[in-house]
């Protein structure tokens, strides 16, 4: 069997934050998924949550939750996953890291443009 089927990128959290989930709940879900996947021989890449200023995704509480999850991913994600990818750092506006950089924003403040996906 090909190793292609044994790799996963776990990019979650944006909608969890908008639904009011805590950073601890999101991290616990990431840990459960990554640990189970690793136990089955799957290589998981955990990602940071990309920034957003749109609606429930951009409230002060949402930003604090996203920052807490991203801090955990950067500091501890590799303890549970094969690798970590810092999507947030790749697409954030340099002067306002809680927002997408204009070139990477599809126009709604939440979803990535084609350039954002490439970044």
Protein backbone atom coordinates (compact mmCIF):
# COMPACT_ATOMS: atom_id res chain seq x y z
CA UNK A 1 0.00 0.00 0.00
CA UNK A 2 1.14 3.51 -0.74
CA UNK A 3 2.21 5.82 2.08
CA UNK A 4 0.06 8.55 0.48
CA UNK A 5 -2.92 7.31 2.48
CA UNK A 6 -1.04 7.59 5.75
CA UNK A 7 -0.64 11.38 5.86
CA UNK A 8 -3.15 13.93 7.11
CA UNK A 9 -3.14 17.69 7.55
CA UNK A 10 -5.34 18.76 10.44
CA UNK A 11 -6.47 22.34 9.89
CA UNK A 12 -9.32 22.93 12.31
CA UNK A 13 -10.56 25.47 14.80
CA UNK A 14 -12.00 28.44 12.93
CA UNK A 15 -15.62 27.31 13.14
CA UNK A 16 -15.06 25.90 16.64
CA UNK A 17 -13.99 29.36 17.78
CA UNK A 18 -17.05 30.99 16.17
CA UNK A 19 -19.22 28.41 17.97
CA UNK A 20 -17.74 29.44 21.32
CA UNK A 21 -15.40 26.50 21.96
CA UNK A 22 -12.53 27.21 24.34
CA UNK A 23 -8.87 26.91 23.47
CA UNK A 24 -8.63 23.92 25.84
CA UNK A 25 -11.46 22.14 23.99
CA UNK A 26 -9.89 22.76 20.59
CA UNK A 27 -6.44 21.66 21.75
CA UNK A 28 -7.88 18.54 23.37
CA UNK A 29 -9.52 17.63 20.06
CA UNK A 30 -6.27 18.16 18.19
CA UNK A 31 -4.40 15.99 20.67
CA UNK A 32 -6.98 13.18 20.48
CA UNK A 33 -6.94 13.19 16.68
CA UNK A 34 -3.16 13.41 16.36
CA UNK A 35 -2.46 10.77 19.00
CA UNK A 36 -4.96 8.30 17.49
CA UNK A 37 -3.65 8.93 14.00
CA UNK A 38 -0.05 8.47 15.10
CA UNK A 39 -0.97 5.21 16.88
CA UNK A 40 -2.42 3.94 13.60
CA UNK A 41 0.72 4.84 11.66
CA UNK A 42 -0.62 8.03 10.08
CA UNK A 43 1.61 11.09 9.92
CA UNK A 44 -0.35 14.16 10.98
CA UNK A 45 0.63 17.76 10.36
CA UNK A 46 -1.06 20.14 12.81
CA UNK A 47 -1.62 23.68 11.64
CA UNK A 48 -2.21 26.98 13.32
CA UNK A 49 -5.59 28.63 12.82
CA UNK A 50 -5.55 31.39 10.23
CA UNK A 51 -6.55 34.89 11.38
CA UNK A 52 -9.95 36.43 10.78
CA UNK A 53 -11.67 39.69 11.57
CA UNK A 54 -15.07 38.56 10.29
CA UNK A 55 -18.07 38.37 12.62
CA UNK A 56 -17.83 35.84 15.44
CA UNK A 57 -14.36 34.89 14.21
CA UNK A 58 -12.95 38.36 14.94
CA UNK A 59 -14.24 39.20 18.41
CA UNK A 60 -11.71 39.87 21.17
CA UNK A 61 -12.61 36.49 22.73
CA UNK A 62 -12.20 34.70 19.39
CA UNK A 63 -8.81 36.33 18.83
CA UNK A 64 -7.68 35.35 22.35
CA UNK A 65 -8.83 31.76 21.78
CA UNK A 66 -7.10 31.58 18.39
CA UNK A 67 -3.90 33.02 19.87
CA UNK A 68 -3.98 30.47 22.69
CA UNK A 69 -4.50 27.52 20.33
CA UNK A 70 -1.84 28.78 17.94
CA UNK A 71 0.59 29.27 20.81
CA UNK A 72 0.00 25.68 21.89
CA UNK A 73 0.43 24.36 18.33
CA UNK A 74 3.72 26.22 17.95
CA UNK A 75 5.07 25.17 21.36
CA UNK A 76 3.67 21.64 21.76
CA UNK A 77 2.11 20.45 18.51
CA UNK A 78 5.20 18.54 17.45
CA UNK A 79 4.91 16.45 20.62
CA UNK A 80 1.76 14.90 19.12
CA UNK A 81 2.22 15.28 15.38
CA UNK A 82 4.72 14.48 12.67
CA UNK A 83 5.09 18.21 11.93
CA UNK A 84 3.56 21.63 12.48
CA UNK A 85 2.69 24.17 9.77
CA UNK A 86 2.23 27.78 10.80
CA UNK A 87 -0.55 28.79 8.42
CA UNK A 88 -1.39 31.84 10.55
CA UNK A 89 2.09 33.32 10.22
CA UNK A 90 2.07 32.68 6.47
CA UNK A 91 -1.10 34.67 5.77
CA UNK A 92 -1.43 37.26 8.57
CA UNK A 93 -1.19 40.97 7.90
CA UNK A 94 2.21 42.06 9.25
CA UNK A 95 0.84 45.21 10.92
CA UNK A 96 -2.33 43.48 12.20
CA UNK A 97 -1.67 39.76 12.79
CA UNK A 98 -5.26 39.09 13.88
CA UNK A 99 -6.33 39.80 10.27
CA UNK A 100 -5.54 38.20 6.94
CA UNK A 101 -3.12 40.13 4.77
CA UNK A 102 -5.13 41.81 1.98
CA UNK A 103 -3.42 39.75 -0.74
CA UNK A 104 -4.44 36.54 1.04
CA UNK A 105 -8.05 37.53 1.85
CA UNK A 106 -10.79 36.38 -0.52
CA UNK A 107 -12.67 39.55 0.41
CA UNK A 108 -14.73 38.38 3.38
CA UNK A 109 -12.06 38.62 6.08
CA UNK A 110 -12.27 34.89 6.74
CA UNK A 111 -11.55 32.73 3.71
CA UNK A 112 -8.23 32.60 1.91
CA UNK A 113 -7.80 33.80 -1.66
CA UNK A 114 -5.96 31.65 -4.18
CA UNK A 115 -2.77 33.48 -3.21
CA UNK A 116 -3.52 32.73 0.45
CA UNK A 117 -3.80 29.02 -0.30
CA UNK A 118 -0.48 29.12 -2.14
CA UNK A 119 1.17 30.94 0.79
